[in-house]
C-alpha atoms as a PDB file:
ATOM      1  CA  MET A   1     -16.442 -11.239 -11.536  1.00  0.00           C
ATOM      2  CA  GLY A   2     -14.977  -7.817 -10.738  1.00  0.00           C
ATOM      3  CA  ARG A   3     -11.415  -6.655 -10.295  1.00  0.00           C
ATOM      4  CA  GLY A   4      -9.977  -5.413  -7.028  1.00  0.00           C
ATOM      5  CA  LEU A   5      -6.795  -4.023  -5.547  1.00  0.00           C
ATOM      6  CA  ILE A   6      -6.046  -5.269  -2.028  1.00  0.00           C
ATOM      7  CA  VAL A   7      -3.425  -3.653   0.201  1.00  0.00           C
ATOM      8  CA  VAL A   8      -2.880  -5.513   3.478  1.00  0.00           C
ATOM      9  CA  ASP A   9      -1.655  -4.135   6.808  1.00  0.00           C
ATOM     10  CA  VAL A  10       0.522  -1.175   5.805  1.00  0.00           C
ATOM     11  CA  GLN A  11       1.503   0.551   9.059  1.00  0.00           C
ATOM     12  CA  ASN A  12       4.084   3.111  10.125  1.00  0.00           C
ATOM     13  CA  ASP A  13       5.272   0.565  12.706  1.00  0.00           C
ATOM     14  CA  PHE A  14       6.990  -1.345   9.892  1.00  0.00           C
ATOM     15  CA  CYS A  15       8.822   1.734   8.557  1.00  0.00           C
ATOM     16  CA  GLU A  16      12.261   2.737   9.741  1.00  0.00           C
ATOM     17  CA  GLY A  17      11.894   4.323  13.190  1.00  0.00           C
ATOM     18  CA  GLY A  18       8.730   2.335  13.942  1.00  0.00           C
ATOM     19  CA  SER A  19       8.271  -0.185  16.744  1.00  0.00           C
ATOM     20  CA  VAL A  20       9.001  -3.186  14.458  1.00  0.00           C
ATOM     21  CA  PRO A  21      11.007  -1.653  11.605  1.00  0.00           C
ATOM     22  CA  VAL A  22      11.681  -3.494   8.369  1.00  0.00           C
ATOM     23  CA  SER A  23      14.544  -2.353   6.166  1.00  0.00           C
ATOM     24  CA  GLY A  24      13.043  -0.478   3.215  1.00  0.00           C
ATOM     25  CA  GLY A  25       9.612  -0.252   4.852  1.00  0.00           C
ATOM     26  CA  ALA A  26       9.150   3.456   4.120  1.00  0.00           C
ATOM     27  CA  ARG A  27      10.177   2.936   0.482  1.00  0.00           C
ATOM     28  CA  ILE A  28       7.635   0.139   0.059  1.00  0.00           C
ATOM     29  CA  ALA A  29       4.879   2.197   1.743  1.00  0.00           C
ATOM     30  CA  THR A  30       5.572   5.023  -0.717  1.00  0.00           C
ATOM     31  CA  LYS A  31       5.370   2.610  -3.658  1.00  0.00           C
ATOM     32  CA  ILE A  32       2.051   1.241  -2.368  1.00  0.00           C
ATOM     33  CA  ALA A  33       0.642   4.782  -2.007  1.00  0.00           C
ATOM     34  CA  ASP A  34       1.754   5.578  -5.560  1.00  0.00           C
ATOM     35  CA  LEU A  35       0.101   2.404  -6.870  1.00  0.00           C
ATOM     36  CA  VAL A  36      -3.181   3.232  -5.123  1.00  0.00           C
ATOM     37  CA  GLU A  37      -3.074   6.783  -6.536  1.00  0.00           C
ATOM     38  CA  ARG A  38      -2.379   5.527 -10.073  1.00  0.00           C
ATOM     39  CA  SER A  39      -5.221   3.010  -9.713  1.00  0.00           C
ATOM     40  CA  ALA A  40      -7.831   5.735  -9.213  1.00  0.00           C
ATOM     41  CA  GLY A  41     -10.267   5.722 -12.098  1.00  0.00           C
ATOM     42  CA  ARG A  42      -9.228   2.281 -13.317  1.00  0.00           C
ATOM     43  CA  ASP A  43     -11.524  -0.670 -13.737  1.00  0.00           C
ATOM     44  CA  TYR A  44     -11.371  -1.760 -10.091  1.00  0.00           C
ATOM     45  CA  GLU A  45     -14.699  -2.343  -8.409  1.00  0.00           C
ATOM     46  CA  TYR A  46     -12.995  -2.352  -5.007  1.00  0.00           C
ATOM     47  CA  VAL A  47      -9.836  -0.824  -3.575  1.00  0.00           C
ATOM     48  CA  VAL A  48      -9.348  -2.225  -0.072  1.00  0.00           C
END
């Protein structure tokens, strides 16, 4: 079985200033982007 990284439903709408803002949404989106970038070249068969 392979390894994967799954990121679900990250949208600007959930960031501050979006249509359904969540407090800290932009901070979390940045952390997710950083995680995906750091995951490049790792042993993941899929990044979704």
